[in-house]
C-alpha atoms as a PDB file:
ATOM      1  CA  MET A   1      -5.643  10.924  26.087  1.00  0.00           C
ATOM      2  CA  THR A   2      -7.674   7.785  25.368  1.00  0.00           C
ATOM      3  CA  ASN A   3      -6.177   4.797  23.597  1.00  0.00           C
ATOM      4  CA  PRO A   4      -8.094   4.640  20.269  1.00  0.00           C
ATOM      5  CA  PHE A   5      -8.004   0.825  20.393  1.00  0.00           C
ATOM      6  CA  GLU A   6      -9.896   0.769  23.697  1.00  0.00           C
ATOM      7  CA  ASP A   7     -12.571   3.419  23.049  1.00  0.00           C
ATOM      8  CA  GLU A   8     -15.858   1.652  23.795  1.00  0.00           C
ATOM      9  CA  LYS A   9     -17.736   4.336  21.838  1.00  0.00           C
ATOM     10  CA  GLY A  10     -15.365   4.305  18.860  1.00  0.00           C
ATOM     11  CA  VAL A  11     -16.057   3.048  15.351  1.00  0.00           C
ATOM     12  CA  TYR A  12     -13.809   0.232  14.178  1.00  0.00           C
ATOM     13  CA  HIS A  13     -12.993  -2.025  11.264  1.00  0.00           C
ATOM     14  CA  VAL A  14     -11.822  -5.604  11.509  1.00  0.00           C
ATOM     15  CA  LEU A  15      -8.722  -6.101   9.406  1.00  0.00           C
ATOM     16  CA  ILE A  16      -7.258  -9.353   8.108  1.00  0.00           C
ATOM     17  CA  ASN A  17      -3.831 -10.084   6.652  1.00  0.00           C
ATOM     18  CA  GLU A  18      -2.633 -12.788   4.259  1.00  0.00           C
ATOM     19  CA  GLU A  19      -1.822 -15.015   7.240  1.00  0.00           C
ATOM     20  CA  GLY A  20      -5.487 -14.928   8.297  1.00  0.00           C
ATOM     21  CA  GLN A  21      -4.736 -12.886  11.407  1.00  0.00           C
ATOM     22  CA  HIS A  22      -7.423 -10.410  12.482  1.00  0.00           C
ATOM     23  CA  SER A  23      -7.060  -6.979  14.052  1.00  0.00           C
ATOM     24  CA  LEU A  24      -9.437  -4.465  15.583  1.00  0.00           C
ATOM     25  CA  TRP A  25      -8.651  -1.137  13.905  1.00  0.00           C
ATOM     26  CA  PRO A  26     -10.000   2.386  14.526  1.00  0.00           C
ATOM     27  CA  SER A  27     -11.935   3.451  11.425  1.00  0.00           C
ATOM     28  CA  PHE A  28     -10.341   6.911  11.348  1.00  0.00           C
ATOM     29  CA  LYS A  29      -6.841   5.454  10.920  1.00  0.00           C
ATOM     30  CA  GLU A  30      -5.435   4.457   7.544  1.00  0.00           C
ATOM     31  CA  VAL A  31      -5.408   0.712   6.924  1.00  0.00           C
ATOM     32  CA  PRO A  32      -1.792  -0.492   7.140  1.00  0.00           C
ATOM     33  CA  GLN A  33      -0.121  -2.088   4.132  1.00  0.00           C
ATOM     34  CA  GLY A  34      -0.703  -5.832   3.968  1.00  0.00           C
ATOM     35  CA  TRP A  35      -4.100  -5.657   5.677  1.00  0.00           C
ATOM     36  CA  THR A  36      -7.608  -5.491   4.213  1.00  0.00           C
ATOM     37  CA  ILE A  37     -10.972  -4.702   5.772  1.00  0.00           C
ATOM     38  CA  ALA A  38     -12.934  -7.862   6.607  1.00  0.00           C
ATOM     39  CA  HIS A  39     -15.737  -6.106   8.522  1.00  0.00           C
ATOM     40  CA  LYS A  40     -16.376  -2.423   7.964  1.00  0.00           C
ATOM     41  CA  ALA A  41     -17.255   0.454  10.333  1.00  0.00           C
ATOM     42  CA  ASP A  42     -19.039  -0.986  13.344  1.00  0.00           C
ATOM     43  CA  THR A  43     -19.047  -0.747  17.122  1.00  0.00           C
ATOM     44  CA  ARG A  44     -16.100  -2.104  19.080  1.00  0.00           C
ATOM     45  CA  ALA A  45     -18.316  -4.839  20.548  1.00  0.00           C
ATOM     46  CA  ALA A  46     -19.632  -5.889  17.123  1.00  0.00           C
ATOM     47  CA  CYS A  47     -16.109  -6.006  15.695  1.00  0.00           C
ATOM     48  CA  LEU A  48     -14.834  -8.095  18.608  1.00  0.00           C
ATOM     49  CA  GLU A  49     -17.776 -10.464  18.114  1.00  0.00           C
ATOM     50  CA  PHE A  50     -16.905 -10.718  14.402  1.00  0.00           C
ATOM     51  CA  ILE A  51     -13.328 -11.609  15.326  1.00  0.00           C
ATOM     52  CA  ASN A  52     -14.494 -14.208  17.863  1.00  0.00           C
ATOM     53  CA  GLN A  53     -16.815 -15.805  15.293  1.00  0.00           C
ATOM     54  CA  ASN A  54     -14.359 -15.805  12.386  1.00  0.00           C
ATOM     55  CA  TRP A  55     -10.865 -16.275  13.801  1.00  0.00           C
ATOM     56  CA  LYS A  56     -10.988 -19.709  15.384  1.00  0.00           C
ATOM     57  CA  ASP A  57      -7.353 -20.735  14.891  1.00  0.00           C
ATOM     58  CA  MET A  58      -4.818 -18.205  16.152  1.00  0.00           C
ATOM     59  CA  ARG A  59      -1.950 -19.795  14.220  1.00  0.00           C
ATOM     60  CA  PRO A  60      -0.739 -17.984  11.087  1.00  0.00           C
ATOM     61  CA  LYS A  61      -1.916 -19.597   7.824  1.00  0.00           C
ATOM     62  CA  SER A  62       1.675 -20.453   6.852  1.00  0.00           C
ATOM     63  CA  LEU A  63       2.106 -22.460  10.063  1.00  0.00           C
ATOM     64  CA  ILE A  64      -1.220 -24.249   9.578  1.00  0.00           C
ATOM     65  CA  ASP A  65      -0.185 -25.184   6.011  1.00  0.00           C
ATOM     66  CA  ARG A  66       3.280 -26.335   7.105  1.00  0.00           C
ATOM     67  CA  MET A  67       1.859 -28.483   9.905  1.00  0.00           C
ATOM     68  CA  ALA A  68      -0.683 -30.035   7.514  1.00  0.00           C
ATOM     69  CA  LYS A  69       2.088 -30.926   5.050  1.00  0.00           C
ATOM     70  CA  GLN A  70       4.149 -32.464   7.845  1.00  0.00           C
ATOM     71  CA  ALA A  71       1.156 -34.502   8.977  1.00  0.00           C
ATOM     72  CA  GLU A  72       0.573 -35.750   5.429  1.00  0.00           C
ATOM     73  CA  GLY A  73       4.197 -36.864   5.218  1.00  0.00           C
ATOM     74  CA  LYS A  74       3.823 -38.977   8.360  1.00  0.00           C
ATOM     75  CA  LYS A  75       0.753 -40.903   7.142  1.00  0.00           C
ATOM     76  CA  PRO A  76       1.422 -44.508   6.075  1.00  0.00           C
ATOM     77  CA  ASN A  77       0.861 -45.277   2.377  1.00  0.00           C
END
């Protein structure tokens, strides 16, 4: 049995969650709760390219926001 996440000939979506994290997702599987489709029904290679082009910072959005607030608090007035 082939892993549906590694099928080079499969059709995939790119999903994104509220933290800005991306996921390659087989198009035949139901989209999990908390995720939305950012790039619809494409080849595995095209979806991976979409992820590479659009997910530059691997940190969750909440961590990025928290670090930005901490940095603002350290700036001199």
